[in-house]
N, C-alpha and C. Protein backbone atom coordinates (compact mmCIF):
# COMPACT_ATOMS: atom_id res chain seq x y z
N MET A 1 35.81 55.93 16.32
CA MET A 1 34.50 55.47 16.72
C MET A 1 33.68 55.07 15.50
N ASP A 2 33.67 55.91 14.45
CA ASP A 2 32.92 55.59 13.25
C ASP A 2 33.47 54.35 12.55
N ASN A 3 34.80 54.19 12.56
CA ASN A 3 35.39 53.00 11.95
C ASN A 3 34.98 51.74 12.69
N ALA A 4 34.92 51.79 14.01
CA ALA A 4 34.51 50.63 14.79
C ALA A 4 33.05 50.30 14.53
N ARG A 5 32.22 51.32 14.48
CA ARG A 5 30.80 51.11 14.21
C ARG A 5 30.60 50.54 12.81
N GLY A 6 31.32 51.06 11.84
CA GLY A 6 31.21 50.58 10.47
C GLY A 6 31.70 49.14 10.35
N ALA A 7 32.77 48.81 11.06
CA ALA A 7 33.29 47.44 11.03
C ALA A 7 32.27 46.48 11.65
N ARG A 8 31.66 46.91 12.74
CA ARG A 8 30.66 46.07 13.41
C ARG A 8 29.45 45.86 12.48
N ARG A 9 29.02 46.92 11.82
CA ARG A 9 27.88 46.84 10.90
C ARG A 9 28.20 45.88 9.75
N ARG A 10 29.41 45.96 9.20
CA ARG A 10 29.80 45.06 8.12
C ARG A 10 29.86 43.61 8.60
N GLN A 11 30.31 43.41 9.85
CA GLN A 11 30.39 42.08 10.41
C GLN A 11 28.99 41.48 10.55
N VAL A 12 28.06 42.25 11.09
CA VAL A 12 26.70 41.79 11.26
C VAL A 12 26.06 41.52 9.90
N LEU A 13 26.26 42.40 8.96
CA LEU A 13 25.73 42.22 7.62
C LEU A 13 26.31 40.97 6.98
N GLY A 14 27.59 40.77 7.15
CA GLY A 14 28.25 39.57 6.59
C GLY A 14 27.68 38.29 7.16
N ILE A 15 27.41 38.28 8.46
CA ILE A 15 26.82 37.10 9.09
C ILE A 15 25.43 36.85 8.53
N GLY A 16 24.66 37.92 8.40
CA GLY A 16 23.30 37.79 7.85
C GLY A 16 23.32 37.24 6.44
N VAL A 17 24.21 37.73 5.61
CA VAL A 17 24.32 37.25 4.23
C VAL A 17 24.73 35.78 4.23
N ALA A 18 25.65 35.39 5.10
CA ALA A 18 26.09 34.01 5.17
C ALA A 18 24.95 33.08 5.57
N VAL A 19 24.17 33.50 6.54
CA VAL A 19 23.04 32.68 7.00
C VAL A 19 22.00 32.53 5.89
N ILE A 20 21.64 33.63 5.27
CA ILE A 20 20.66 33.58 4.19
C ILE A 20 21.19 32.76 3.02
N GLY A 21 22.44 32.95 2.68
CA GLY A 21 23.05 32.20 1.58
C GLY A 21 23.06 30.71 1.84
N SER A 22 23.36 30.31 3.06
CA SER A 22 23.39 28.88 3.37
C SER A 22 21.99 28.29 3.33
N ALA A 23 20.99 29.07 3.68
CA ALA A 23 19.60 28.58 3.61
C ALA A 23 19.17 28.38 2.18
N ILE A 24 19.65 29.22 1.28
CA ILE A 24 19.27 29.13 -0.12
C ILE A 24 19.90 27.91 -0.79
N VAL A 25 21.16 27.61 -0.48
CA VAL A 25 21.84 26.52 -1.17
C VAL A 25 21.59 25.15 -0.56
N LYS A 26 21.00 25.09 0.62
CA LYS A 26 20.71 23.79 1.21
C LYS A 26 19.59 23.13 0.42
N PRO A 27 19.75 21.83 0.13
CA PRO A 27 18.67 21.14 -0.58
C PRO A 27 17.45 21.00 0.32
N ALA A 28 16.29 20.99 -0.30
CA ALA A 28 15.05 20.83 0.46
C ALA A 28 15.02 19.45 1.08
N ARG A 29 14.59 19.39 2.33
CA ARG A 29 14.49 18.10 3.01
C ARG A 29 13.19 17.41 2.60
N ALA A 30 13.26 16.11 2.52
CA ALA A 30 12.05 15.35 2.23
C ALA A 30 11.12 15.44 3.43
N GLN A 31 9.87 15.64 3.16
CA GLN A 31 8.90 15.75 4.24
C GLN A 31 8.64 14.36 4.80
N THR A 32 8.74 14.22 6.11
CA THR A 32 8.51 12.95 6.76
C THR A 32 7.02 12.77 7.01
N LYS A 33 6.51 11.62 6.63
CA LYS A 33 5.10 11.32 6.84
C LYS A 33 4.92 10.68 8.22
N VAL A 34 3.73 10.81 8.76
CA VAL A 34 3.41 10.17 10.03
C VAL A 34 2.83 8.79 9.76
N SER A 35 2.88 7.94 10.77
CA SER A 35 2.32 6.60 10.62
C SER A 35 0.80 6.67 10.61
N GLN A 36 0.19 5.62 10.12
CA GLN A 36 -1.27 5.55 10.12
C GLN A 36 -1.81 5.58 11.55
N ALA A 37 -1.12 4.94 12.46
CA ALA A 37 -1.55 4.95 13.87
C ALA A 37 -1.51 6.36 14.44
N GLN A 38 -0.45 7.10 14.16
CA GLN A 38 -0.33 8.48 14.66
C GLN A 38 -1.43 9.37 14.10
N ALA A 39 -1.84 9.11 12.87
CA ALA A 39 -2.88 9.90 12.21
C ALA A 39 -4.28 9.42 12.56
N GLN A 40 -4.37 8.36 13.33
CA GLN A 40 -5.65 7.74 13.67
C GLN A 40 -6.41 7.34 12.40
N TYR A 41 -5.65 6.87 11.41
CA TYR A 41 -6.22 6.47 10.12
C TYR A 41 -7.13 5.26 10.29
N GLN A 42 -8.21 5.27 9.56
CA GLN A 42 -9.11 4.11 9.46
C GLN A 42 -9.51 3.97 8.00
N ASP A 43 -9.82 2.76 7.58
CA ASP A 43 -10.12 2.52 6.16
C ASP A 43 -11.59 2.71 5.82
N LYS A 44 -12.32 3.42 6.65
CA LYS A 44 -13.72 3.74 6.38
C LYS A 44 -13.97 5.22 6.70
N PRO A 45 -15.00 5.82 6.12
CA PRO A 45 -15.28 7.24 6.35
C PRO A 45 -15.69 7.52 7.80
N LYS A 46 -15.62 8.79 8.17
CA LYS A 46 -16.06 9.21 9.49
C LYS A 46 -16.86 10.50 9.34
N ASN A 47 -18.08 10.49 9.81
CA ASN A 47 -18.96 11.67 9.77
C ASN A 47 -19.05 12.29 8.38
N GLY A 48 -19.12 11.44 7.35
CA GLY A 48 -19.25 11.92 5.98
C GLY A 48 -17.94 12.39 5.36
N GLN A 49 -16.84 12.29 6.09
CA GLN A 49 -15.53 12.69 5.56
C GLN A 49 -14.77 11.45 5.13
N GLN A 50 -14.13 11.53 3.96
CA GLN A 50 -13.29 10.42 3.50
C GLN A 50 -12.14 10.96 2.68
N CYS A 51 -11.10 10.15 2.59
CA CYS A 51 -9.83 10.58 2.00
C CYS A 51 -9.95 11.17 0.60
N ASP A 52 -10.77 10.60 -0.26
CA ASP A 52 -10.83 11.13 -1.63
C ASP A 52 -11.47 12.52 -1.69
N GLY A 53 -12.02 13.00 -0.59
CA GLY A 53 -12.53 14.36 -0.50
C GLY A 53 -11.60 15.28 0.26
N CYS A 54 -10.39 14.80 0.55
CA CYS A 54 -9.40 15.55 1.35
C CYS A 54 -8.33 16.17 0.46
N ALA A 55 -7.90 17.36 0.81
CA ALA A 55 -6.86 18.07 0.07
C ALA A 55 -5.50 17.36 0.14
N GLN A 56 -5.30 16.48 1.13
CA GLN A 56 -4.02 15.79 1.30
C GLN A 56 -3.94 14.48 0.51
N PHE A 57 -5.07 14.00 0.01
CA PHE A 57 -5.12 12.71 -0.68
C PHE A 57 -4.47 12.81 -2.05
N GLU A 58 -3.69 11.77 -2.40
CA GLU A 58 -3.05 11.67 -3.71
C GLU A 58 -3.48 10.35 -4.34
N ALA A 59 -4.39 10.46 -5.31
CA ALA A 59 -4.92 9.26 -5.98
C ALA A 59 -3.78 8.48 -6.63
N PRO A 60 -3.84 7.18 -6.69
CA PRO A 60 -5.01 6.40 -6.31
C PRO A 60 -5.03 5.97 -4.84
N SER A 61 -3.87 5.96 -4.15
CA SER A 61 -3.91 5.39 -2.80
C SER A 61 -2.80 5.89 -1.88
N SER A 62 -2.54 7.20 -1.88
CA SER A 62 -1.54 7.73 -0.96
C SER A 62 -1.96 9.09 -0.43
N CYS A 63 -1.17 9.59 0.50
CA CYS A 63 -1.47 10.85 1.18
C CYS A 63 -0.19 11.65 1.34
N LYS A 64 -0.30 12.95 1.32
CA LYS A 64 0.85 13.83 1.50
C LYS A 64 1.39 13.76 2.93
N LEU A 65 0.55 13.39 3.89
CA LEU A 65 0.94 13.43 5.30
C LEU A 65 1.06 12.08 5.97
N VAL A 66 0.32 11.08 5.48
CA VAL A 66 0.25 9.78 6.16
C VAL A 66 0.95 8.72 5.31
N ASP A 67 1.76 7.91 5.96
CA ASP A 67 2.54 6.87 5.29
C ASP A 67 1.67 5.65 4.98
N GLY A 68 2.05 4.93 3.95
CA GLY A 68 1.40 3.68 3.61
C GLY A 68 0.27 3.84 2.61
N LYS A 69 -0.36 2.70 2.30
CA LYS A 69 -1.46 2.69 1.35
C LYS A 69 -2.71 3.27 2.01
N ILE A 70 -3.34 4.20 1.32
CA ILE A 70 -4.51 4.91 1.85
C ILE A 70 -5.73 4.60 0.98
N ALA A 71 -6.80 4.15 1.61
CA ALA A 71 -8.04 3.85 0.89
C ALA A 71 -8.77 5.15 0.58
N PRO A 72 -9.28 5.32 -0.64
CA PRO A 72 -10.03 6.53 -0.98
C PRO A 72 -11.21 6.78 -0.04
N GLN A 73 -11.79 5.71 0.48
CA GLN A 73 -12.92 5.84 1.40
C GLN A 73 -12.47 5.90 2.87
N GLY A 74 -11.16 5.98 3.11
CA GLY A 74 -10.63 6.05 4.48
C GLY A 74 -10.78 7.43 5.10
N TRP A 75 -10.25 7.57 6.30
CA TRP A 75 -10.31 8.85 7.03
C TRP A 75 -9.16 8.90 8.02
N CYS A 76 -8.68 10.13 8.33
CA CYS A 76 -7.73 10.33 9.42
C CYS A 76 -7.95 11.71 10.03
N MET A 77 -7.26 11.97 11.12
CA MET A 77 -7.44 13.22 11.86
C MET A 77 -6.95 14.45 11.10
N PHE A 78 -6.23 14.26 10.01
CA PHE A 78 -5.71 15.40 9.23
C PHE A 78 -6.64 15.80 8.09
N PHE A 79 -7.86 15.25 8.06
CA PHE A 79 -8.78 15.55 6.98
C PHE A 79 -9.00 17.06 6.83
N VAL A 80 -8.84 17.52 5.59
CA VAL A 80 -9.12 18.91 5.21
C VAL A 80 -9.87 18.85 3.89
N LYS A 81 -11.08 19.34 3.91
CA LYS A 81 -11.93 19.28 2.71
C LYS A 81 -11.25 19.97 1.53
N LYS A 82 -11.31 19.31 0.37
CA LYS A 82 -10.76 19.89 -0.86
C LYS A 82 -11.48 21.20 -1.15
N PRO A 83 -10.74 22.21 -1.59
CA PRO A 83 -11.41 23.48 -1.93
C PRO A 83 -12.27 23.32 -3.18
N GLY A 84 -13.28 24.14 -3.24
CA GLY A 84 -14.10 24.17 -4.44
C GLY A 84 -15.33 23.45 -4.28
């Protein structure tokens, strides 16, 4: 009985190690951006919010989440005010 239990425990542990190991060696996937239409992007500010004040904006004209050229004075539904 103890041998069967120990074998089962080793089997479960082995599976866990294999799963964790495969997660570690897999290369990171590139993050897929959403389209400007999906983000409801517009090239003008909305309610005082604009892209250059957003944590997702990457100067001079891109975004971490939205595909395509992004105007610093633009806006989308993913706006998150920069900290500080």
